N, C-alpha and C. Protein backbone atom coordinates (compact mmCIF):
# COMPACT_ATOMS: atom_id res chain seq x y z
N MET A 1 2.45 2.55 -3.10
CA MET A 1 3.81 3.02 -3.22
C MET A 1 4.19 3.07 -4.69
N THR A 2 5.05 3.98 -5.05
CA THR A 2 5.50 4.09 -6.44
C THR A 2 6.52 2.98 -6.73
N GLU A 3 6.74 2.74 -8.05
CA GLU A 3 7.73 1.74 -8.44
C GLU A 3 9.11 2.11 -7.91
N THR A 4 9.42 3.41 -7.90
CA THR A 4 10.72 3.87 -7.41
C THR A 4 10.88 3.55 -5.93
N GLU A 5 9.84 3.85 -5.13
CA GLU A 5 9.90 3.57 -3.69
C GLU A 5 10.07 2.08 -3.42
N ILE A 6 9.34 1.26 -4.18
CA ILE A 6 9.44 -0.19 -3.99
C ILE A 6 10.83 -0.69 -4.38
N SER A 7 11.35 -0.16 -5.50
CA SER A 7 12.69 -0.54 -5.96
C SER A 7 13.75 -0.14 -4.94
N GLU A 8 13.61 1.06 -4.38
CA GLU A 8 14.59 1.53 -3.39
C GLU A 8 14.53 0.68 -2.12
N LEU A 9 13.31 0.28 -1.72
CA LEU A 9 13.16 -0.58 -0.55
C LEU A 9 13.82 -1.94 -0.81
N ARG A 10 13.63 -2.47 -2.02
CA ARG A 10 14.25 -3.76 -2.40
C ARG A 10 15.77 -3.66 -2.30
N GLN A 11 16.33 -2.60 -2.88
CA GLN A 11 17.78 -2.42 -2.85
C GLN A 11 18.29 -2.27 -1.41
N ALA A 12 17.52 -1.57 -0.58
CA ALA A 12 17.92 -1.37 0.83
C ALA A 12 17.98 -2.71 1.56
N VAL A 13 17.00 -3.59 1.32
CA VAL A 13 17.00 -4.89 1.97
C VAL A 13 18.20 -5.72 1.52
N LEU A 14 18.49 -5.70 0.22
CA LEU A 14 19.62 -6.48 -0.28
C LEU A 14 20.95 -5.95 0.26
N LYS A 15 21.06 -4.62 0.36
CA LYS A 15 22.28 -4.04 0.93
C LYS A 15 22.41 -4.37 2.42
N LEU A 16 21.29 -4.38 3.12
CA LEU A 16 21.31 -4.72 4.54
C LEU A 16 21.83 -6.15 4.73
N TRP A 17 21.39 -7.05 3.85
CA TRP A 17 21.88 -8.43 3.93
C TRP A 17 23.38 -8.49 3.66
N GLU A 18 23.82 -7.80 2.61
CA GLU A 18 25.25 -7.82 2.28
C GLU A 18 26.08 -7.21 3.40
N GLY A 19 25.54 -6.21 4.08
CA GLY A 19 26.28 -5.54 5.14
C GLY A 19 26.27 -6.28 6.46
N SER A 20 25.31 -7.21 6.64
CA SER A 20 25.20 -7.86 7.95
C SER A 20 25.14 -9.38 7.85
N GLU A 21 25.37 -9.90 6.65
CA GLU A 21 25.22 -11.35 6.40
C GLU A 21 25.99 -12.20 7.41
N TYR A 22 27.28 -11.93 7.57
CA TYR A 22 28.09 -12.79 8.43
C TYR A 22 27.76 -12.61 9.91
N LEU A 23 27.38 -11.40 10.28
CA LEU A 23 26.97 -11.16 11.67
C LEU A 23 25.70 -11.95 11.99
N ILE A 24 24.74 -11.90 11.06
CA ILE A 24 23.47 -12.64 11.24
C ILE A 24 23.74 -14.14 11.29
N LEU A 25 24.61 -14.60 10.40
CA LEU A 25 24.91 -16.03 10.36
C LEU A 25 25.63 -16.48 11.63
N ARG A 26 26.50 -15.62 12.14
CA ARG A 26 27.23 -15.97 13.37
C ARG A 26 26.26 -16.10 14.55
N ASP A 27 25.33 -15.14 14.62
CA ASP A 27 24.39 -15.14 15.75
C ASP A 27 23.23 -16.11 15.55
N GLY A 28 22.98 -16.50 14.31
CA GLY A 28 21.91 -17.46 14.03
C GLY A 28 20.71 -16.81 13.35
N LEU A 29 20.36 -17.34 12.18
CA LEU A 29 19.26 -16.79 11.38
C LEU A 29 17.92 -16.95 12.09
N GLN A 30 17.72 -18.11 12.70
CA GLN A 30 16.44 -18.37 13.38
C GLN A 30 16.21 -17.36 14.51
N GLU A 31 17.27 -17.06 15.26
CA GLU A 31 17.16 -16.10 16.36
C GLU A 31 16.79 -14.72 15.84
N LYS A 32 17.41 -14.33 14.72
CA LYS A 32 17.12 -13.02 14.12
C LYS A 32 15.66 -12.94 13.69
N ILE A 33 15.15 -14.00 13.07
CA ILE A 33 13.76 -14.04 12.62
C ILE A 33 12.80 -13.93 13.81
N LEU A 34 13.08 -14.69 14.85
CA LEU A 34 12.21 -14.67 16.04
C LEU A 34 12.21 -13.29 16.70
N THR A 35 13.39 -12.65 16.78
CA THR A 35 13.48 -11.31 17.36
C THR A 35 12.68 -10.31 16.55
N LEU A 36 12.82 -10.39 15.23
CA LEU A 36 12.10 -9.46 14.35
C LEU A 36 10.59 -9.66 14.45
N LYS A 37 10.16 -10.91 14.51
CA LYS A 37 8.72 -11.19 14.65
C LYS A 37 8.18 -10.64 15.97
N ARG A 38 8.97 -10.77 17.02
CA ARG A 38 8.54 -10.25 18.32
C ARG A 38 8.41 -8.72 18.26
N GLU A 39 9.40 -8.06 17.64
CA GLU A 39 9.35 -6.60 17.52
C GLU A 39 8.14 -6.15 16.71
N LEU A 40 7.84 -6.86 15.62
CA LEU A 40 6.68 -6.52 14.80
C LEU A 40 5.38 -6.71 15.58
N ALA A 41 5.31 -7.78 16.35
CA ALA A 41 4.12 -8.04 17.17
C ALA A 41 3.94 -6.93 18.21
N GLU A 42 5.04 -6.50 18.84
CA GLU A 42 4.96 -5.42 19.83
C GLU A 42 4.52 -4.12 19.17
N ASN A 43 5.09 -3.83 18.00
CA ASN A 43 4.71 -2.61 17.28
C ASN A 43 3.23 -2.62 16.92
N SER A 44 2.74 -3.80 16.48
CA SER A 44 1.32 -3.91 16.13
C SER A 44 0.45 -3.68 17.36
N PHE A 45 0.89 -4.19 18.49
CA PHE A 45 0.13 -4.03 19.74
C PHE A 45 0.06 -2.56 20.14
N TYR A 46 1.21 -1.86 20.08
CA TYR A 46 1.24 -0.47 20.53
C TYR A 46 0.58 0.49 19.55
N SER A 47 0.44 0.06 18.28
CA SER A 47 -0.19 0.95 17.29
C SER A 47 -1.63 0.57 16.99
N LEU A 48 -2.25 -0.25 17.87
CA LEU A 48 -3.66 -0.64 17.65
C LEU A 48 -4.53 0.60 17.49
N GLY A 49 -5.35 0.59 16.44
CA GLY A 49 -6.24 1.72 16.21
C GLY A 49 -5.57 2.89 15.52
N GLY A 50 -4.26 2.79 15.31
CA GLY A 50 -3.54 3.87 14.65
C GLY A 50 -3.07 3.44 13.27
N ILE A 51 -2.31 4.31 12.64
CA ILE A 51 -1.79 4.02 11.30
C ILE A 51 -0.39 3.42 11.45
N PRO A 52 -0.11 2.27 10.82
CA PRO A 52 1.22 1.68 10.92
C PRO A 52 2.28 2.62 10.35
N SER A 53 3.48 2.48 10.82
CA SER A 53 4.57 3.34 10.33
C SER A 53 5.25 2.71 9.13
N PHE A 54 5.99 3.53 8.40
CA PHE A 54 6.77 3.01 7.27
C PHE A 54 7.82 2.02 7.78
N GLU A 55 8.25 2.21 9.03
CA GLU A 55 9.21 1.30 9.65
C GLU A 55 8.67 -0.13 9.64
N THR A 56 7.36 -0.28 9.84
CA THR A 56 6.74 -1.61 9.84
C THR A 56 6.85 -2.25 8.47
N ILE A 57 6.65 -1.46 7.43
CA ILE A 57 6.78 -1.98 6.06
C ILE A 57 8.21 -2.45 5.82
N LYS A 58 9.18 -1.65 6.26
CA LYS A 58 10.59 -2.03 6.08
C LYS A 58 10.90 -3.32 6.84
N GLN A 59 10.41 -3.41 8.08
CA GLN A 59 10.66 -4.61 8.88
C GLN A 59 10.03 -5.85 8.24
N ASN A 60 8.82 -5.68 7.69
CA ASN A 60 8.17 -6.82 7.03
C ASN A 60 8.92 -7.26 5.78
N ALA A 61 9.49 -6.30 5.05
CA ALA A 61 10.28 -6.63 3.86
C ALA A 61 11.53 -7.42 4.28
N TRP A 62 12.19 -6.97 5.33
CA TRP A 62 13.39 -7.63 5.85
C TRP A 62 13.04 -9.03 6.36
N LEU A 63 11.90 -9.14 7.05
CA LEU A 63 11.47 -10.44 7.57
C LEU A 63 11.17 -11.41 6.42
N ALA A 64 10.49 -10.92 5.39
CA ALA A 64 10.18 -11.77 4.23
C ALA A 64 11.46 -12.33 3.62
N PHE A 65 12.47 -11.47 3.52
CA PHE A 65 13.76 -11.89 2.96
C PHE A 65 14.43 -12.95 3.83
N LEU A 66 14.49 -12.71 5.14
CA LEU A 66 15.13 -13.65 6.06
C LEU A 66 14.39 -14.99 6.10
N GLU A 67 13.06 -14.92 6.09
CA GLU A 67 12.28 -16.16 6.10
C GLU A 67 12.47 -16.94 4.81
N GLY A 68 12.72 -16.22 3.71
CA GLY A 68 13.03 -16.89 2.44
C GLY A 68 14.30 -17.72 2.57
N HIS A 69 15.30 -17.18 3.26
CA HIS A 69 16.53 -17.94 3.52
C HIS A 69 16.21 -19.19 4.33
N ALA A 70 15.44 -19.01 5.38
CA ALA A 70 15.12 -20.12 6.28
C ALA A 70 14.32 -21.20 5.56
N GLU A 71 13.45 -20.77 4.61
CA GLU A 71 12.62 -21.70 3.85
C GLU A 71 13.45 -22.74 3.14
N ASN A 72 14.62 -22.33 2.69
CA ASN A 72 15.47 -23.21 1.90
C ASN A 72 16.34 -24.11 2.79
N GLY A 73 16.06 -24.11 4.08
CA GLY A 73 16.81 -24.96 4.99
C GLY A 73 18.14 -24.38 5.39
N PHE A 74 18.35 -23.07 5.14
CA PHE A 74 19.63 -22.44 5.47
C PHE A 74 19.54 -21.84 6.86
N TRP A 75 20.48 -22.19 7.74
CA TRP A 75 20.39 -21.71 9.12
C TRP A 75 21.66 -21.07 9.65
N CYS A 76 22.82 -21.59 9.35
CA CYS A 76 24.01 -21.09 10.01
C CYS A 76 25.21 -21.04 9.08
N ASN A 77 26.32 -20.50 9.59
CA ASN A 77 27.51 -20.29 8.76
C ASN A 77 28.25 -21.58 8.42
N GLU A 78 27.75 -22.71 8.94
CA GLU A 78 28.37 -23.98 8.59
C GLU A 78 27.91 -24.48 7.23
N ASP A 79 26.83 -23.91 6.73
CA ASP A 79 26.35 -24.31 5.41
C ASP A 79 27.31 -23.81 4.33
N SER A 80 27.34 -24.50 3.21
CA SER A 80 28.28 -24.16 2.14
C SER A 80 27.87 -22.89 1.41
N ARG A 81 28.83 -22.35 0.64
CA ARG A 81 28.57 -21.14 -0.16
C ARG A 81 27.47 -21.42 -1.19
N ASP A 82 27.47 -22.62 -1.78
CA ASP A 82 26.44 -22.99 -2.76
C ASP A 82 25.06 -22.95 -2.11
N THR A 83 24.98 -23.49 -0.89
CA THR A 83 23.70 -23.49 -0.17
C THR A 83 23.26 -22.06 0.12
N LEU A 84 24.22 -21.21 0.49
CA LEU A 84 23.92 -19.81 0.78
C LEU A 84 23.40 -19.08 -0.45
N ASP A 85 24.06 -19.32 -1.62
CA ASP A 85 23.62 -18.66 -2.86
C ASP A 85 22.23 -19.12 -3.27
N LYS A 86 21.98 -20.42 -3.15
CA LYS A 86 20.66 -20.96 -3.49
C LYS A 86 19.61 -20.40 -2.54
N SER A 87 19.99 -20.31 -1.27
CA SER A 87 19.10 -19.78 -0.26
C SER A 87 18.76 -18.31 -0.53
N LYS A 88 19.76 -17.56 -1.00
CA LYS A 88 19.53 -16.14 -1.29
C LYS A 88 18.52 -15.98 -2.43
N GLU A 89 18.59 -16.87 -3.43
CA GLU A 89 17.62 -16.82 -4.53
C GLU A 89 16.20 -16.96 -3.99
N THR A 90 15.99 -17.92 -3.10
CA THR A 90 14.68 -18.11 -2.49
C THR A 90 14.27 -16.89 -1.68
N ALA A 91 15.25 -16.29 -0.99
CA ALA A 91 14.98 -15.10 -0.17
C ALA A 91 14.55 -13.93 -1.04
N VAL A 92 15.20 -13.75 -2.19
CA VAL A 92 14.85 -12.65 -3.10
C VAL A 92 13.44 -12.84 -3.65
N ILE A 93 13.08 -14.08 -3.97
CA ILE A 93 11.72 -14.37 -4.45
C ILE A 93 10.70 -14.03 -3.37
N ALA A 94 11.00 -14.40 -2.12
CA ALA A 94 10.08 -14.10 -1.01
C ALA A 94 9.95 -12.59 -0.81
N LEU A 95 11.07 -11.88 -0.93
CA LEU A 95 11.05 -10.42 -0.80
C LEU A 95 10.20 -9.81 -1.91
N ASP A 96 10.42 -10.23 -3.17
CA ASP A 96 9.67 -9.68 -4.30
C ASP A 96 8.17 -9.97 -4.17
N THR A 97 7.83 -11.13 -3.65
CA THR A 97 6.42 -11.47 -3.43
C THR A 97 5.78 -10.49 -2.45
N TYR A 98 6.51 -10.18 -1.37
CA TYR A 98 6.00 -9.20 -0.41
C TYR A 98 5.89 -7.82 -1.05
N LEU A 99 6.90 -7.42 -1.81
CA LEU A 99 6.91 -6.08 -2.41
C LEU A 99 5.75 -5.88 -3.39
N GLU A 100 5.34 -6.97 -4.05
CA GLU A 100 4.20 -6.88 -4.98
C GLU A 100 2.93 -6.42 -4.26
N THR A 101 2.81 -6.77 -2.99
CA THR A 101 1.60 -6.38 -2.24
C THR A 101 1.59 -4.88 -1.94
N LEU A 102 2.72 -4.20 -2.14
CA LEU A 102 2.81 -2.78 -1.81
C LEU A 102 2.45 -1.86 -2.97
N GLU A 103 2.15 -2.45 -4.15
CA GLU A 103 1.90 -1.64 -5.34
C GLU A 103 0.75 -0.66 -5.15
N ASN A 104 -0.29 -1.08 -4.44
CA ASN A 104 -1.45 -0.21 -4.24
C ASN A 104 -1.51 0.41 -2.86
N VAL A 105 -0.36 0.40 -2.16
CA VAL A 105 -0.31 1.01 -0.83
C VAL A 105 0.00 2.49 -0.97
N ASN A 106 -0.77 3.32 -0.27
CA ASN A 106 -0.62 4.77 -0.36
C ASN A 106 0.16 5.28 0.84
N LEU A 107 1.33 5.89 0.57
CA LEU A 107 2.14 6.44 1.65
C LEU A 107 1.83 7.90 1.92
N ASP A 108 0.98 8.50 1.09
CA ASP A 108 0.74 9.94 1.20
C ASP A 108 -0.73 10.21 1.47
N SER A 109 -1.06 10.62 2.68
CA SER A 109 -2.44 10.99 2.97
C SER A 109 -2.46 12.29 3.74
N GLY A 110 -3.59 12.94 3.75
CA GLY A 110 -3.70 14.24 4.40
C GLY A 110 -3.41 14.22 5.88
N LYS A 111 -3.66 13.11 6.56
CA LYS A 111 -3.48 13.05 8.01
C LYS A 111 -2.35 12.10 8.38
N GLY A 112 -1.31 12.08 7.61
CA GLY A 112 -0.19 11.20 7.92
C GLY A 112 -0.07 10.12 6.87
N LYS A 113 0.28 8.93 7.28
CA LYS A 113 0.53 7.88 6.32
C LYS A 113 -0.60 6.86 6.33
N SER A 114 -1.06 6.53 5.13
CA SER A 114 -2.12 5.55 4.99
C SER A 114 -1.55 4.33 4.30
N PHE A 115 -1.81 3.14 4.83
CA PHE A 115 -1.25 1.94 4.25
C PHE A 115 -2.32 0.98 3.73
N SER A 116 -3.51 1.48 3.48
CA SER A 116 -4.56 0.64 2.93
C SER A 116 -4.41 0.56 1.42
N PRO A 117 -4.58 -0.63 0.85
CA PRO A 117 -4.51 -0.73 -0.61
C PRO A 117 -5.59 0.14 -1.25
N LYS A 118 -5.27 0.76 -2.37
CA LYS A 118 -6.24 1.63 -3.04
C LYS A 118 -7.21 0.80 -3.87
N ILE A 119 -8.42 1.32 -3.99
CA ILE A 119 -9.46 0.67 -4.80
C ILE A 119 -9.26 1.10 -6.24
N GLN A 120 -9.27 0.11 -7.13
CA GLN A 120 -9.10 0.39 -8.55
C GLN A 120 -10.46 0.81 -9.13
N TRP A 121 -10.58 2.08 -9.54
CA TRP A 121 -11.85 2.62 -10.04
C TRP A 121 -11.96 2.38 -11.54
N GLU A 122 -13.01 1.68 -11.95
CA GLU A 122 -13.17 1.32 -13.36
C GLU A 122 -13.95 2.37 -14.16
N GLY A 123 -14.65 3.26 -13.46
CA GLY A 123 -15.44 4.28 -14.16
C GLY A 123 -14.61 5.51 -14.47
N SER A 124 -15.30 6.61 -14.84
CA SER A 124 -14.60 7.86 -15.13
C SER A 124 -14.31 8.60 -13.82
N ILE A 125 -13.33 9.48 -13.86
CA ILE A 125 -12.98 10.27 -12.67
C ILE A 125 -14.16 11.18 -12.31
N ARG A 126 -14.87 11.68 -13.31
CA ARG A 126 -16.02 12.53 -13.02
C ARG A 126 -17.13 11.76 -12.30
N GLN A 127 -17.28 10.49 -12.66
CA GLN A 127 -18.24 9.65 -11.92
C GLN A 127 -17.82 9.50 -10.46
N LEU A 128 -16.53 9.31 -10.26
CA LEU A 128 -16.02 9.13 -8.91
C LEU A 128 -16.24 10.40 -8.08
N ILE A 129 -15.96 11.54 -8.68
CA ILE A 129 -16.20 12.82 -8.00
C ILE A 129 -17.68 12.96 -7.65
N TYR A 130 -18.52 12.65 -8.61
CA TYR A 130 -19.97 12.76 -8.41
C TYR A 130 -20.44 11.83 -7.30
N LEU A 131 -19.90 10.61 -7.27
CA LEU A 131 -20.25 9.65 -6.23
C LEU A 131 -19.92 10.21 -4.85
N PHE A 132 -18.70 10.74 -4.71
CA PHE A 132 -18.29 11.29 -3.42
C PHE A 132 -19.13 12.51 -3.03
N ARG A 133 -19.41 13.37 -4.02
CA ARG A 133 -20.21 14.58 -3.73
C ARG A 133 -21.61 14.19 -3.25
N GLU A 134 -22.20 13.23 -3.94
CA GLU A 134 -23.56 12.81 -3.58
C GLU A 134 -23.59 12.09 -2.23
N MET A 135 -22.57 11.28 -1.96
CA MET A 135 -22.52 10.60 -0.66
C MET A 135 -22.35 11.60 0.48
N SER A 136 -21.58 12.67 0.21
CA SER A 136 -21.42 13.69 1.26
C SER A 136 -22.72 14.46 1.47
N LYS A 137 -23.50 14.65 0.40
CA LYS A 137 -24.78 15.36 0.52
C LYS A 137 -25.78 14.61 1.40
N ILE A 138 -25.75 13.27 1.31
CA ILE A 138 -26.71 12.49 2.10
C ILE A 138 -26.11 12.04 3.44
N GLY A 139 -24.92 12.55 3.75
CA GLY A 139 -24.33 12.33 5.07
C GLY A 139 -23.59 11.02 5.27
N LEU A 140 -23.24 10.34 4.17
CA LEU A 140 -22.51 9.07 4.31
C LEU A 140 -21.02 9.28 4.54
N ILE A 141 -20.49 10.40 4.06
CA ILE A 141 -19.08 10.74 4.28
C ILE A 141 -18.97 12.24 4.55
N PRO A 142 -17.84 12.70 5.13
CA PRO A 142 -17.69 14.14 5.35
C PRO A 142 -17.58 14.89 4.03
N SER A 143 -17.92 16.15 4.04
CA SER A 143 -17.91 16.92 2.78
C SER A 143 -16.61 17.70 2.58
N VAL A 144 -15.67 17.60 3.51
CA VAL A 144 -14.42 18.36 3.39
C VAL A 144 -13.32 17.50 2.78
N ASN A 145 -12.38 18.19 2.12
CA ASN A 145 -11.18 17.53 1.55
C ASN A 145 -11.50 16.37 0.62
N LEU A 146 -12.49 16.55 -0.26
CA LEU A 146 -12.85 15.46 -1.17
C LEU A 146 -11.69 15.05 -2.09
N PRO A 147 -10.90 16.00 -2.65
CA PRO A 147 -9.78 15.56 -3.51
C PRO A 147 -8.80 14.64 -2.77
N SER A 148 -8.46 15.01 -1.53
CA SER A 148 -7.54 14.18 -0.76
C SER A 148 -8.16 12.82 -0.45
N MET A 149 -9.43 12.83 -0.07
CA MET A 149 -10.12 11.59 0.28
C MET A 149 -10.14 10.63 -0.92
N ILE A 150 -10.45 11.18 -2.09
CA ILE A 150 -10.51 10.34 -3.29
C ILE A 150 -9.14 9.80 -3.65
N SER A 151 -8.13 10.68 -3.70
CA SER A 151 -6.80 10.24 -4.13
C SER A 151 -6.14 9.31 -3.12
N ASN A 152 -6.53 9.41 -1.85
CA ASN A 152 -5.96 8.53 -0.83
C ASN A 152 -6.51 7.11 -0.89
N HIS A 153 -7.73 6.96 -1.42
CA HIS A 153 -8.39 5.65 -1.36
C HIS A 153 -8.64 5.00 -2.71
N PHE A 154 -8.45 5.76 -3.81
CA PHE A 154 -8.73 5.21 -5.14
C PHE A 154 -7.54 5.43 -6.07
N CYS A 155 -7.40 4.52 -7.04
CA CYS A 155 -6.46 4.72 -8.13
C CYS A 155 -7.23 4.48 -9.44
N LYS A 156 -6.63 4.87 -10.57
CA LYS A 156 -7.29 4.69 -11.87
C LYS A 156 -7.31 3.22 -12.24
N LYS A 157 -8.07 2.89 -13.29
CA LYS A 157 -8.20 1.49 -13.71
C LYS A 157 -6.87 0.88 -14.11
N ASP A 158 -5.91 1.73 -14.56
CA ASP A 158 -4.58 1.22 -14.91
C ASP A 158 -3.64 1.21 -13.71
N ARG A 159 -4.22 1.44 -12.50
CA ARG A 159 -3.51 1.42 -11.22
C ARG A 159 -2.59 2.62 -11.00
N THR A 160 -2.69 3.63 -11.86
CA THR A 160 -1.89 4.84 -11.64
C THR A 160 -2.62 5.75 -10.65
N GLU A 161 -1.86 6.66 -10.10
CA GLU A 161 -2.37 7.56 -9.06
C GLU A 161 -3.39 8.55 -9.62
N ILE A 162 -4.35 8.93 -8.81
CA ILE A 162 -5.28 10.01 -9.15
C ILE A 162 -4.74 11.28 -8.50
N ASN A 163 -4.34 12.21 -9.32
CA ASN A 163 -3.68 13.43 -8.82
C ASN A 163 -4.68 14.36 -8.15
N ARG A 164 -4.33 14.83 -6.94
CA ARG A 164 -5.21 15.70 -6.16
C ARG A 164 -5.50 17.02 -6.86
N ASP A 165 -4.45 17.63 -7.45
CA ASP A 165 -4.64 18.93 -8.12
C ASP A 165 -5.58 18.79 -9.31
N ASN A 166 -5.40 17.71 -10.08
CA ASN A 166 -6.30 17.48 -11.22
C ASN A 166 -7.74 17.26 -10.74
N LEU A 167 -7.89 16.57 -9.62
CA LEU A 167 -9.24 16.37 -9.05
C LEU A 167 -9.88 17.70 -8.70
N SER A 168 -9.10 18.58 -8.06
CA SER A 168 -9.63 19.90 -7.69
C SER A 168 -10.10 20.67 -8.93
N LYS A 169 -9.31 20.60 -10.01
CA LYS A 169 -9.69 21.28 -11.25
C LYS A 169 -10.96 20.69 -11.84
N GLN A 170 -11.05 19.35 -11.82
CA GLN A 170 -12.25 18.71 -12.38
C GLN A 170 -13.49 19.04 -11.55
N ILE A 171 -13.33 19.09 -10.24
CA ILE A 171 -14.47 19.46 -9.39
C ILE A 171 -14.92 20.87 -9.72
N TYR A 172 -13.97 21.79 -9.90
CA TYR A 172 -14.29 23.17 -10.26
C TYR A 172 -15.02 23.22 -11.60
N GLN A 173 -14.51 22.46 -12.59
CA GLN A 173 -15.15 22.46 -13.92
C GLN A 173 -16.56 21.89 -13.85
N LEU A 174 -16.73 20.83 -13.09
CA LEU A 174 -18.07 20.24 -12.95
C LEU A 174 -19.04 21.23 -12.30
N ASP A 175 -18.57 21.93 -11.29
CA ASP A 175 -19.42 22.91 -10.61
C ASP A 175 -19.76 24.08 -11.53
N THR A 176 -18.77 24.53 -12.28
CA THR A 176 -18.95 25.72 -13.12
C THR A 176 -19.74 25.42 -14.39
N LEU A 177 -19.41 24.29 -15.04
CA LEU A 177 -19.99 24.03 -16.36
C LEU A 177 -21.20 23.10 -16.34
N GLN A 178 -21.29 22.23 -15.34
CA GLN A 178 -22.34 21.20 -15.41
C GLN A 178 -23.11 21.05 -14.11
N ASP A 179 -23.11 22.05 -13.27
CA ASP A 179 -23.82 21.96 -11.99
C ASP A 179 -23.43 20.74 -11.17
N GLY A 180 -22.17 20.35 -11.27
CA GLY A 180 -21.68 19.23 -10.45
C GLY A 180 -22.01 17.86 -10.97
N ARG A 181 -22.62 17.76 -12.18
CA ARG A 181 -23.00 16.44 -12.70
C ARG A 181 -22.15 16.06 -13.91
N PRO A 182 -21.75 14.78 -13.98
CA PRO A 182 -21.12 14.31 -15.23
C PRO A 182 -22.18 14.11 -16.30
N LYS A 183 -21.82 13.46 -17.40
CA LYS A 183 -22.81 13.18 -18.45
C LYS A 183 -23.99 12.41 -17.87
N ASP A 184 -25.17 12.60 -18.45
CA ASP A 184 -26.38 12.01 -17.88
C ASP A 184 -26.27 10.51 -17.62
N GLU A 185 -25.73 9.75 -18.62
CA GLU A 185 -25.66 8.30 -18.44
C GLU A 185 -24.67 7.92 -17.33
N ASP A 186 -23.59 8.71 -17.19
CA ASP A 186 -22.64 8.45 -16.11
C ASP A 186 -23.25 8.78 -14.76
N ALA A 187 -23.97 9.89 -14.70
CA ALA A 187 -24.62 10.29 -13.45
C ALA A 187 -25.69 9.28 -13.07
N GLN A 188 -26.41 8.74 -14.05
CA GLN A 188 -27.48 7.79 -13.77
C GLN A 188 -26.93 6.52 -13.13
N ALA A 189 -25.77 6.06 -13.60
CA ALA A 189 -25.16 4.85 -13.03
C ALA A 189 -24.86 5.06 -11.54
N ILE A 190 -24.38 6.25 -11.18
CA ILE A 190 -24.07 6.56 -9.78
C ILE A 190 -25.37 6.73 -8.99
N ASP A 191 -26.36 7.40 -9.59
CA ASP A 191 -27.65 7.58 -8.91
C ASP A 191 -28.29 6.24 -8.56
N ASP A 192 -28.17 5.27 -9.48
CA ASP A 192 -28.73 3.94 -9.23
C ASP A 192 -28.07 3.29 -8.00
N ILE A 193 -26.74 3.45 -7.91
CA ILE A 193 -26.01 2.88 -6.76
C ILE A 193 -26.48 3.56 -5.47
N LEU A 194 -26.57 4.87 -5.49
CA LEU A 194 -26.96 5.62 -4.30
C LEU A 194 -28.38 5.31 -3.88
N ASN A 195 -29.27 5.13 -4.84
CA ASN A 195 -30.65 4.78 -4.52
C ASN A 195 -30.73 3.44 -3.81
N THR A 196 -29.88 2.50 -4.26
CA THR A 196 -29.83 1.18 -3.61
C THR A 196 -29.34 1.31 -2.18
N LEU A 197 -28.32 2.16 -1.98
CA LEU A 197 -27.78 2.39 -0.62
C LEU A 197 -28.84 2.96 0.31
N GLN A 198 -29.62 3.91 -0.21
CA GLN A 198 -30.63 4.57 0.63
C GLN A 198 -31.77 3.62 0.96
N GLU A 199 -32.07 2.68 0.05
CA GLU A 199 -33.12 1.71 0.32
C GLU A 199 -32.73 0.79 1.47
N ASP A 200 -31.42 0.44 1.53
CA ASP A 200 -30.93 -0.44 2.60
C ASP A 200 -30.98 0.27 3.94
């Protein structure tokens, strides 16, 4: 997820608390947490084998926040305002901890939404393209939609996104100018990996 998406999700959770704080406190924080956990468990059960929805991410963010309140021993509206403020600090920390795990989550994939963390690629993008091309040649992965496949599962070493359009251009340049191969030393590093795979 982008920093903007994560920031917007954070703001949405905080606004949700401000808009429903007294209602939740009246009905009981523990009950709200248990209900939310049950709903998440049901959603996980019904989506087995499928891709989780963005709704699940939102629910988990909300749950992290509520559990942060509960962690501080805060349960009901009989607690003092000071206890509530201190509890909210703990809740925000719990929320931010959960949101940190979303930095490498990809919401944009060719077949819907993908929520797997992206692999941080330390080599060159041309090496990555070459790796995918060679794996498709020997039948380890499909040969279609390589730009989407790469950008959906990998990010650059600085954790920024690998742009699909730029990948398509680089693939075209490699095919046109270098017969699909990066520099010899870069290609050799990938060939060594592939040779090891084939031996296994």
